[in-house]
Amino acid sequence: MRSPPELVRQTRASLRARPRGRRSRNRSRAAPDERLGDVPDEPGTTPEPAPAKDSRNPYGALLAIPGTKQFSGSGALARLPMSMVGIGIVLMIQQTTGSYGLAGRVSAAYIVAQAICSPQIAKLVDRKGQARVMRPMFVVTSLSLLGLILSTALGAPEAFLYLFAVLTGASVGSVGSMVRARWSNLLADPRKLHSAYSFESAVDELCFVVGPMLATILATSVAPTAGLIVPLVAVVVGGFWFLSLRETEPPVSIPVEGVKNRSVLLNGGMLAVIAVFIGMGAVFGATDVATIAFAKEAGHEAMAGVILGVFAAGSLISGLLYGAKHWLSPLWKRFAVGMLALAVGVTLFFFVTSLPILAAVMFVAGFAISPTLINGNNLVQLLVPPSQLTEGLTWVGTALGVGVSVGTSVAGARIDEAGSHAGFTVVVVAAGIAVLVMLASLTTLRSRTAGSTVTEGH
């Protein structure tokens, strides 16, 4: 996304721009208000935007910067499919064919295709630009979703379901990573970037509050295919609106002769974060399946979506609160504490005996989610070169997706054998494994970020 030597711009608290200068590749020496990015060559060079007024609300100050409301809002709409397509596929195919097995296999094909292809798309985005890469990708996504809907409605052979599910997953990319890349390119102050990442994590959680409930209501009350109509519209409207905002698009990474970027997967710190995120994803996937099973056993299956929304609501609230405060402790330590808190929170599932108690436990456990995800994304910012930021952020998002798939599969098998509480046991085991991986990785994370960590304090 950024190429050496990098042009930078600085933002003063007095709301006037300073002249640009060269930025050292060592982030630990960068001034707190130094801009982390190049001046965009395309669509044009624009002066550093600044909010009109100072604000004690960090989110209000961020959204007062010209252009940020637009790319964050359109990015939120374009991200809605991430919480709707998977469950929408399951609901549509199960209600149309009566087969949970086929529904699960087609949904898994979508998830696997996304996990494999999203990091590769992210590499192209860093090198070629967001709009240039994602416009044709969003066309493929839209046509593939439409093909999947029509194939199911018309009773087409199963091969068509797999084909369109794979094409959808392979082309959808990671909009959340591209939104965060825009914030990273726009903001210099690490405190503001911390708040921006926190805000976007809250937006993610809002998608997971609204998305599954909306998909379930539409598929069960309107038509089996209705749950996928909304993500289709979201891709078309939100995706192309987001890509049209060229003023805030990060510059492409221009290759330097004789300099070759190593894969982010060769970075020990990145591997540690990815491994922990896989464990977290397994916690989320197993929790989803166990919650649905518990609600069904209680005779109120329709309440599963509401309870999962409560889980995400706890995370949303904690994310906003966490992002509003700036922290002095090292980032790697806060990442570890967050994972430990999540592991402790999910052990409360052992005490669940009713749906109200389950909702309360999930609300409390959800408070550990957003801060941990925020810190993980911030670690990526420190661990990878600026020119590979989108790729790095996409890998951790992919890791979550892989973990969700594993957690869903393992918990589902255990639930078939022993009921919903066996699924909650899988949740606790997955959290424990993630904690062990975290503890084993602390030395690596600490050493890899020691020279780059910027204190997030006042």
Protein backbone atom coordinates (compact mmCIF):
# COMPACT_ATOMS: atom_id res chain seq x y z
CA MET A 1 0.00 0.00 0.00
CA ARG A 2 2.88 2.35 0.63
CA SER A 3 6.26 2.27 -1.05
CA PRO A 4 9.69 3.48 0.16
CA PRO A 5 10.74 6.20 0.22
CA GLU A 6 7.35 7.16 1.65
CA LEU A 7 5.80 10.61 1.47
CA VAL A 8 4.04 11.58 4.66
CA ARG A 9 1.78 14.28 5.92
CA GLN A 10 1.39 15.48 9.45
CA THR A 11 -1.75 16.63 11.23
CA ARG A 12 -1.56 19.23 13.99
CA ALA A 13 -4.08 19.50 16.81
CA SER A 14 -4.47 23.14 15.76
CA LEU A 15 -6.18 21.75 12.64
CA ARG A 16 -3.67 23.04 10.11
CA ALA A 17 -1.51 20.90 7.86
CA ARG A 18 2.27 20.77 8.10
CA PRO A 19 4.56 20.27 5.09
CA ARG A 20 5.18 16.73 4.01
CA GLY A 21 8.43 14.98 4.80
CA ARG A 22 10.08 11.61 4.54
CA ARG A 23 9.15 8.93 7.01
CA SER A 24 11.54 6.44 8.51
CA ARG A 25 10.68 2.79 7.97
CA ASN A 26 11.23 2.27 11.71
CA ARG A 27 7.83 3.00 13.20
CA SER A 28 9.15 3.31 16.70
CA ARG A 29 10.88 6.54 15.70
CA ALA A 30 7.89 8.04 13.96
CA ALA A 31 6.42 11.17 15.47
CA PRO A 32 3.03 10.63 17.12
CA ASP A 33 1.28 12.79 14.55
CA GLU A 34 3.17 11.47 11.54
CA ARG A 35 0.96 10.29 8.72
CA LEU A 36 1.29 6.58 7.94
CA GLY A 37 1.08 6.61 4.19
CA ASP A 38 1.90 8.02 0.78
CA VAL A 39 0.14 10.86 -0.89
CA PRO A 40 -2.26 9.08 -3.25
CA ASP A 41 -1.19 9.22 -6.91
CA GLU A 42 -4.66 8.17 -7.91
CA PRO A 43 -7.27 9.65 -7.89
CA GLY A 44 -5.25 12.70 -6.91
CA THR A 45 -3.26 14.49 -4.28
CA THR A 46 -5.38 16.11 -1.61
CA PRO A 47 -4.45 18.04 1.49
CA GLU A 48 -4.64 16.32 4.87
CA PRO A 49 -8.26 16.52 6.06
CA ALA A 50 -8.99 17.73 9.56
CA PRO A 51 -12.17 17.91 11.61
CA ALA A 52 -13.73 21.30 11.97
CA LYS A 53 -13.90 21.12 15.74
CA ASP A 54 -12.16 19.26 18.50
CA SER A 55 -14.35 16.66 20.16
CA ARG A 56 -14.14 14.74 23.39
CA ASN A 57 -15.96 11.93 21.61
CA PRO A 58 -13.18 10.13 19.69
CA TYR A 59 -15.65 8.61 17.23
CA GLY A 60 -17.30 11.95 16.54
CA ALA A 61 -13.88 13.47 15.85
CA LEU A 62 -13.00 10.66 13.44
CA LEU A 63 -16.26 10.88 11.52
CA ALA A 64 -15.89 14.67 11.29
CA ILE A 65 -12.91 14.14 9.00
CA PRO A 66 -14.12 14.69 5.41
CA GLY A 67 -14.80 11.43 3.58
CA THR A 68 -14.72 9.11 6.58
CA LYS A 69 -18.49 8.87 7.04
CA GLN A 70 -18.82 7.83 3.43
CA PHE A 71 -16.20 5.08 3.30
CA SER A 72 -17.07 3.73 6.74
CA GLY A 73 -20.82 3.76 6.03
CA SER A 74 -20.55 2.19 2.59
CA GLY A 75 -18.03 -0.31 3.98
CA ALA A 76 -20.49 -1.28 6.71
CA LEU A 77 -23.18 -1.97 4.13
CA ALA A 78 -20.77 -3.92 1.94
CA ARG A 79 -19.72 -6.01 4.97
CA LEU A 80 -23.26 -7.15 5.73
CA PRO A 81 -22.86 -10.28 3.55
CA MET A 82 -20.15 -11.62 5.89
CA SER A 83 -22.78 -12.25 8.55
CA MET A 84 -25.64 -13.26 6.23
CA VAL A 85 -24.39 -15.40 3.36
CA GLY A 86 -23.31 -18.44 5.39
CA ILE A 87 -26.49 -18.71 7.44
CA GLY A 88 -28.56 -17.61 4.43
CA ILE A 89 -27.23 -20.53 2.37
CA VAL A 90 -28.04 -23.00 5.14
CA LEU A 91 -31.58 -21.69 5.64
CA MET A 92 -32.35 -21.44 1.93
CA ILE A 93 -31.13 -24.91 0.96
CA GLN A 94 -32.47 -26.68 4.04
CA GLN A 95 -35.96 -25.25 3.60
CA THR A 96 -35.94 -25.91 -0.13
CA THR A 97 -34.47 -29.43 -0.14
CA GLY A 98 -35.07 -30.55 3.44
CA SER A 99 -31.40 -31.55 3.76
CA TYR A 100 -29.21 -30.11 6.52
CA GLY A 101 -26.31 -32.11 5.13
CA LEU A 102 -26.44 -30.53 1.68
CA ALA A 103 -26.97 -27.09 3.21
CA GLY A 104 -23.90 -27.52 5.41
CA ARG A 105 -21.72 -28.78 2.57
CA VAL A 106 -22.62 -25.90 0.26
CA SER A 107 -22.07 -23.38 3.06
CA ALA A 108 -18.69 -24.99 3.81
CA ALA A 109 -17.72 -24.73 0.12
CA TYR A 110 -18.42 -20.99 0.30
CA ILE A 111 -16.36 -20.57 3.51
CA VAL A 112 -13.39 -22.59 2.23
CA ALA A 113 -13.30 -20.70 -1.07
CA GLN A 114 -13.33 -17.40 0.80
CA ALA A 115 -10.56 -18.56 3.16
CA ILE A 116 -8.32 -19.60 0.26
CA CYS A 117 -8.92 -16.70 -2.09
CA SER A 118 -9.36 -13.63 0.14
CA PRO A 119 -5.65 -13.30 1.07
CA GLN A 120 -4.70 -13.60 -2.61
CA ILE A 121 -7.19 -10.89 -3.51
CA ALA A 122 -5.71 -8.74 -0.72
CA LYS A 123 -2.25 -9.05 -2.29
CA LEU A 124 -3.64 -7.75 -5.57
CA VAL A 125 -5.42 -4.92 -3.77
CA ASP A 126 -2.15 -3.80 -2.16
CA ARG A 127 -0.37 -3.87 -5.53
CA LYS A 128 -3.07 -2.67 -7.92
CA GLY A 129 -5.52 -0.67 -5.80
CA GLN A 130 -8.90 -1.34 -4.24
CA ALA A 131 -11.14 -0.13 -7.06
CA ARG A 132 -9.15 -1.72 -9.87
CA VAL A 133 -9.23 -5.17 -8.27
CA MET A 134 -12.56 -5.23 -6.48
CA ARG A 135 -14.86 -3.82 -9.18
CA PRO A 136 -14.66 -6.98 -11.31
CA MET A 137 -14.66 -9.11 -8.15
CA PHE A 138 -17.91 -7.56 -6.93
CA VAL A 139 -19.46 -8.19 -10.36
CA VAL A 140 -18.58 -11.88 -10.01
CA THR A 141 -19.89 -11.93 -6.42
CA SER A 142 -23.21 -10.38 -7.41
CA LEU A 143 -23.77 -12.68 -10.39
CA SER A 144 -22.73 -15.73 -8.36
CA LEU A 145 -25.12 -14.93 -5.51
CA LEU A 146 -27.90 -14.43 -8.04
CA GLY A 147 -26.98 -17.73 -9.67
CA LEU A 148 -27.06 -19.51 -6.31
CA ILE A 149 -30.50 -18.08 -5.51
CA LEU A 150 -31.95 -19.03 -8.91
CA SER A 151 -30.36 -22.51 -8.91
CA THR A 152 -31.94 -23.28 -5.55
CA ALA A 153 -35.33 -21.82 -6.44
CA LEU A 154 -35.46 -23.70 -9.76
CA GLY A 155 -34.24 -27.00 -8.32
CA ALA A 156 -31.05 -27.13 -10.39
CA PRO A 157 -28.58 -30.02 -9.94
CA GLU A 158 -26.42 -29.86 -6.81
CA ALA A 159 -23.31 -29.14 -8.86
CA PHE A 160 -24.64 -25.68 -9.65
CA LEU A 161 -25.10 -24.92 -5.95
CA TYR A 162 -21.48 -25.79 -5.24
CA LEU A 163 -20.26 -23.86 -8.29
CA PHE A 164 -22.00 -20.62 -7.40
CA ALA A 165 -21.16 -20.92 -3.69
CA VAL A 166 -17.46 -21.33 -4.51
CA LEU A 167 -17.50 -18.41 -6.96
CA THR A 168 -19.20 -16.21 -4.35
CA GLY A 169 -16.65 -17.07 -1.67
CA ALA A 170 -13.71 -16.78 -4.05
CA SER A 171 -14.60 -13.25 -5.18
CA VAL A 172 -16.10 -11.49 -2.15
CA GLY A 173 -12.74 -10.45 -0.63
CA SER A 174 -12.46 -8.70 2.72
CA VAL A 175 -14.16 -5.31 2.78
CA GLY A 176 -13.36 -4.85 6.48
CA SER A 177 -9.64 -5.04 5.75
CA MET A 178 -9.96 -2.44 3.01
CA VAL A 179 -11.87 -0.08 5.30
CA ARG A 180 -9.18 -0.42 7.98
CA ALA A 181 -6.50 0.17 5.35
CA ARG A 182 -8.17 3.48 4.50
CA TRP A 183 -8.13 4.51 8.15
CA SER A 184 -4.47 3.51 8.44
CA ASN A 185 -3.57 5.55 5.38
CA LEU A 186 -5.56 8.55 6.58
CA LEU A 187 -4.57 8.73 10.24
CA ALA A 188 -1.15 9.37 11.70
CA ASP A 189 -1.83 9.55 15.42
CA PRO A 190 -1.78 5.98 16.82
CA ARG A 191 -4.40 6.98 19.39
CA LYS A 192 -6.80 7.97 16.63
CA LEU A 193 -6.02 4.80 14.70
CA HIS A 194 -6.78 2.78 17.84
CA SER A 195 -10.18 4.47 18.05
CA ALA A 196 -10.81 3.95 14.34
CA TYR A 197 -10.06 0.23 14.54
CA SER A 198 -12.29 0.01 17.62
CA PHE A 199 -15.11 1.72 15.76
CA GLU A 200 -14.80 -0.66 12.82
CA SER A 201 -14.82 -3.66 15.16
CA ALA A 202 -18.05 -2.32 16.63
CA VAL A 203 -19.43 -2.04 13.09
CA ASP A 204 -18.45 -5.68 12.51
CA GLU A 205 -20.35 -6.68 15.62
CA LEU A 206 -23.36 -4.62 14.57
CA CYS A 207 -23.38 -6.59 11.32
CA PHE A 208 -23.39 -9.81 13.33
CA VAL A 209 -26.23 -8.51 15.50
CA VAL A 210 -28.43 -7.52 12.56
CA GLY A 211 -27.35 -9.96 9.84
CA PRO A 212 -28.24 -13.41 11.24
CA MET A 213 -31.56 -12.20 12.69
CA LEU A 214 -32.49 -10.51 9.41
CA ALA A 215 -31.53 -13.56 7.35
CA THR A 216 -33.51 -15.87 9.64
CA ILE A 217 -36.63 -13.68 9.62
CA LEU A 218 -36.58 -13.26 5.84
CA ALA A 219 -35.92 -16.93 5.10
CA THR A 220 -38.58 -18.22 7.49
CA SER A 221 -41.25 -15.54 7.08
CA VAL A 222 -40.92 -14.30 3.48
CA ALA A 223 -39.27 -16.92 1.29
CA PRO A 224 -36.34 -19.37 1.65
CA THR A 225 -34.30 -17.35 -0.86
CA ALA A 226 -35.06 -13.96 0.76
CA GLY A 227 -32.20 -14.31 3.23
CA LEU A 228 -29.69 -13.95 0.37
CA ILE A 229 -31.45 -11.08 -1.40
CA VAL A 230 -30.26 -8.54 1.20
CA PRO A 231 -26.54 -9.48 0.95
CA LEU A 232 -26.87 -9.37 -2.84
CA VAL A 233 -28.21 -5.81 -2.68
CA ALA A 234 -25.58 -4.92 -0.08
CA VAL A 235 -22.75 -6.01 -2.40
CA VAL A 236 -24.15 -4.09 -5.35
CA VAL A 237 -25.04 -0.88 -3.49
CA GLY A 238 -22.51 -0.81 -0.66
CA GLY A 239 -19.62 -2.39 -2.54
CA PHE A 240 -19.68 -0.16 -5.60
CA TRP A 241 -20.42 2.94 -3.49
CA PHE A 242 -17.34 2.15 -1.39
CA LEU A 243 -15.14 1.71 -4.46
CA SER A 244 -16.38 4.98 -5.97
CA LEU A 245 -14.84 6.96 -3.08
CA ARG A 246 -11.44 7.41 -4.70
CA GLU A 247 -10.32 10.37 -2.57
CA THR A 248 -9.73 8.15 0.46
CA GLU A 249 -8.46 5.09 -1.41
CA PRO A 250 -4.94 4.17 -0.26
CA PRO A 251 -2.16 4.45 -2.84
CA VAL A 252 -0.88 1.32 -4.48
CA SER A 253 2.38 -0.26 -3.40
CA ILE A 254 4.95 0.42 -6.09
CA PRO A 255 7.56 -2.37 -6.29
CA VAL A 256 11.12 -1.24 -5.63
CA GLU A 257 13.73 -2.78 -7.88
CA GLY A 258 15.80 -5.30 -5.99
CA VAL A 259 13.42 -5.32 -3.01
CA LYS A 260 11.03 -8.25 -2.59
CA ASN A 261 8.49 -8.43 0.20
CA ARG A 262 8.44 -11.69 2.10
CA SER A 263 5.14 -13.42 2.64
CA VAL A 264 3.44 -12.30 5.83
CA LEU A 265 3.19 -15.99 6.71
CA LEU A 266 6.97 -16.04 7.22
CA ASN A 267 6.55 -13.56 10.06
CA GLY A 268 6.53 -15.38 13.40
CA GLY A 269 4.40 -12.70 15.05
CA MET A 270 1.79 -12.93 12.29
CA LEU A 271 1.67 -16.71 12.61
CA ALA A 272 1.05 -16.30 16.34
CA VAL A 273 -1.84 -13.89 15.81
CA ILE A 274 -3.30 -16.09 13.06
CA ALA A 275 -3.14 -19.18 15.30
CA VAL A 276 -4.93 -17.39 18.14
CA PHE A 277 -7.58 -16.07 15.75
CA ILE A 278 -8.25 -19.61 14.50
CA GLY A 279 -8.90 -20.61 18.12
CA MET A 280 -11.20 -17.62 18.60
CA GLY A 281 -13.06 -18.49 15.42
CA ALA A 282 -13.58 -22.03 16.71
CA VAL A 283 -15.08 -20.54 19.88
CA PHE A 284 -17.51 -18.46 17.79
CA GLY A 285 -18.48 -21.31 15.46
CA ALA A 286 -19.06 -23.81 18.26
CA THR A 287 -21.03 -21.21 20.22
CA ASP A 288 -23.37 -20.57 17.28
CA VAL A 289 -24.19 -24.26 16.80
CA ALA A 290 -24.51 -25.00 20.52
CA THR A 291 -26.82 -22.02 21.02
CA ILE A 292 -29.11 -23.12 18.20
CA ALA A 293 -29.18 -26.65 19.61
CA PHE A 294 -29.89 -25.43 23.16
CA ALA A 295 -32.74 -23.21 21.96
CA LYS A 296 -34.22 -26.10 19.99
CA GLU A 297 -34.00 -28.40 23.03
CA ALA A 298 -35.79 -25.71 25.05
CA GLY A 299 -38.58 -25.59 22.46
CA HIS A 300 -37.80 -22.05 21.29
CA GLU A 301 -35.55 -22.46 18.24
CA ALA A 302 -36.58 -19.07 16.89
CA MET A 303 -34.91 -17.43 19.91
CA ALA A 304 -31.46 -18.63 18.82
CA GLY A 305 -30.95 -15.66 16.51
CA VAL A 306 -31.93 -13.22 19.26
CA ILE A 307 -29.53 -14.81 21.77
CA LEU A 308 -26.69 -14.76 19.25
CA GLY A 309 -27.53 -11.09 18.72
CA VAL A 310 -27.13 -10.55 22.48
CA PHE A 311 -23.67 -12.16 22.24
CA ALA A 312 -22.69 -9.71 19.50
CA ALA A 313 -24.32 -6.81 21.36
CA GLY A 314 -22.05 -7.36 24.37
CA SER A 315 -19.08 -7.29 22.03
CA LEU A 316 -20.32 -4.14 20.29
CA ILE A 317 -20.70 -2.24 23.58
CA SER A 318 -17.28 -3.32 24.87
CA GLY A 319 -15.66 -2.37 21.57
CA LEU A 320 -17.02 1.16 21.71
CA LEU A 321 -16.01 1.56 25.36
CA TYR A 322 -12.55 0.11 24.74
CA GLY A 323 -11.90 2.30 21.73
CA ALA A 324 -12.92 5.47 23.58
CA LYS A 325 -10.00 5.04 25.99
CA HIS A 326 -6.31 5.16 25.17
CA TRP A 327 -4.09 2.64 26.85
CA LEU A 328 -0.56 2.75 28.24
CA SER A 329 0.05 -1.00 28.56
CA PRO A 330 1.82 -2.89 25.74
CA LEU A 331 -0.41 -4.07 22.93
CA TRP A 332 0.74 -7.71 23.09
CA LYS A 333 -0.16 -7.82 26.79
CA ARG A 334 -3.67 -6.47 26.19
CA PHE A 335 -4.15 -9.03 23.41
CA ALA A 336 -3.24 -11.81 25.85
CA VAL A 337 -5.49 -10.46 28.61
CA GLY A 338 -8.41 -10.27 26.18
CA MET A 339 -8.01 -13.89 25.13
CA LEU A 340 -7.80 -14.99 28.76
CA ALA A 341 -10.95 -13.01 29.59
CA LEU A 342 -12.83 -14.67 26.72
CA ALA A 343 -11.73 -18.12 27.90
CA VAL A 344 -12.91 -17.38 31.44
CA GLY A 345 -16.20 -15.97 30.14
CA VAL A 346 -17.14 -19.04 28.09
CA THR A 347 -16.62 -21.35 31.08
CA LEU A 348 -19.90 -19.86 32.36
CA PHE A 349 -21.66 -21.98 29.72
CA PHE A 350 -21.35 -24.90 32.12
CA PHE A 351 -23.88 -23.18 34.40
CA VAL A 352 -26.53 -22.52 31.74
CA THR A 353 -29.91 -24.10 32.51
CA SER A 354 -32.36 -21.84 30.65
CA LEU A 355 -32.53 -19.44 27.71
CA PRO A 356 -32.51 -16.27 29.90
CA ILE A 357 -29.40 -17.51 31.71
CA LEU A 358 -27.79 -18.36 28.35
CA ALA A 359 -28.52 -14.85 27.09
CA ALA A 360 -27.00 -13.30 30.21
CA VAL A 361 -23.88 -15.47 30.00
CA MET A 362 -23.41 -14.67 26.32
CA PHE A 363 -23.79 -10.95 26.94
CA VAL A 364 -21.06 -11.08 29.61
CA ALA A 365 -18.74 -13.33 27.57
CA GLY A 366 -19.25 -11.10 24.54
CA PHE A 367 -17.53 -8.22 26.32
CA ALA A 368 -14.15 -9.88 25.75
CA ILE A 369 -14.56 -10.27 21.99
CA SER A 370 -14.17 -6.82 20.44
CA PRO A 371 -11.18 -5.65 22.53
CA THR A 372 -9.31 -8.85 21.62
CA LEU A 373 -10.12 -8.48 17.91
CA ILE A 374 -9.15 -4.80 18.01
CA ASN A 375 -5.80 -5.59 19.60
CA GLY A 376 -5.17 -8.38 17.11
CA ASN A 377 -5.77 -6.02 14.18
CA ASN A 378 -3.54 -3.40 15.77
CA LEU A 379 -0.78 -6.01 16.15
CA VAL A 380 -0.97 -6.67 12.41
CA GLN A 381 -0.40 -2.94 11.86
CA LEU A 382 2.89 -3.28 13.76
CA LEU A 383 3.98 -6.67 12.42
CA VAL A 384 3.74 -6.25 8.65
CA PRO A 385 5.17 -3.66 6.24
CA PRO A 386 2.72 -0.93 5.20
CA SER A 387 2.73 -2.30 1.65
CA GLN A 388 1.26 -5.59 2.92
CA LEU A 389 -1.27 -4.26 5.45
CA THR A 390 -4.40 -5.31 3.55
CA GLU A 391 -2.95 -8.79 3.09
CA GLY A 392 -2.07 -9.06 6.78
CA LEU A 393 -5.50 -7.90 7.94
CA THR A 394 -7.15 -10.30 5.51
CA TRP A 395 -5.15 -13.25 6.85
CA VAL A 396 -6.42 -12.71 10.41
CA GLY A 397 -9.96 -12.38 9.08
CA THR A 398 -9.48 -15.59 7.13
CA ALA A 399 -8.14 -17.28 10.27
CA LEU A 400 -11.38 -16.42 12.06
CA GLY A 401 -13.38 -17.91 9.21
CA VAL A 402 -11.35 -21.11 9.24
CA GLY A 403 -11.80 -21.36 13.00
CA VAL A 404 -15.56 -20.84 12.69
CA SER A 405 -15.74 -23.66 10.15
CA VAL A 406 -13.75 -26.02 12.40
CA GLY A 407 -15.70 -25.10 15.52
CA THR A 408 -19.03 -25.53 13.74
CA SER A 409 -18.07 -28.95 12.39
CA VAL A 410 -16.65 -30.35 15.64
CA ALA A 411 -19.41 -28.95 17.84
CA GLY A 412 -22.09 -30.17 15.44
CA ALA A 413 -20.75 -33.72 15.61
CA ARG A 414 -20.60 -33.63 19.41
CA ILE A 415 -24.13 -32.19 19.65
CA ASP A 416 -25.47 -35.00 17.47
CA GLU A 417 -23.94 -37.46 19.92
CA ALA A 418 -24.61 -35.87 23.30
CA GLY A 419 -26.72 -32.70 23.01
CA SER A 420 -26.15 -28.98 23.27
CA HIS A 421 -24.01 -29.03 26.42
CA ALA A 422 -21.47 -31.18 24.56
CA GLY A 423 -21.30 -28.30 22.06
CA PHE A 424 -20.60 -25.84 24.87
CA THR A 425 -17.81 -28.14 26.04
CA VAL A 426 -16.24 -27.78 22.59
CA VAL A 427 -16.43 -24.00 23.06
CA VAL A 428 -14.50 -24.19 26.33
CA VAL A 429 -11.90 -26.58 24.90
CA ALA A 430 -11.35 -24.33 21.87
CA ALA A 431 -10.89 -21.31 24.15
CA GLY A 432 -8.41 -23.26 26.27
CA ILE A 433 -6.38 -24.22 23.21
CA ALA A 434 -6.36 -20.60 22.04
CA VAL A 435 -5.06 -19.52 25.47
CA LEU A 436 -2.27 -22.12 25.33
CA VAL A 437 -1.28 -20.90 21.87
CA MET A 438 -1.34 -17.33 23.16
CA LEU A 439 0.89 -18.15 26.14
CA ALA A 440 3.33 -19.98 23.88
CA SER A 441 3.45 -16.97 21.55
CA LEU A 442 3.95 -14.18 24.06
CA THR A 443 7.71 -14.07 23.73
CA THR A 444 7.46 -13.86 19.95
CA LEU A 445 4.80 -11.15 20.01
CA ARG A 446 6.71 -9.14 22.58
CA SER A 447 10.00 -9.27 20.67
CA ARG A 448 8.41 -8.65 17.27
CA THR A 449 6.57 -5.51 18.42
CA ALA A 450 9.15 -4.16 20.88
CA GLY A 451 10.75 -1.81 18.34
CA SER A 452 7.49 -0.72 16.75
CA THR A 453 5.04 -0.29 19.61
CA VAL A 454 3.74 3.24 19.96
CA THR A 455 2.23 4.06 23.32
CA GLU A 456 -1.48 4.73 23.11
CA GLY A 457 -1.65 7.23 25.90
CA HIS A 458 -2.62 10.83 26.35
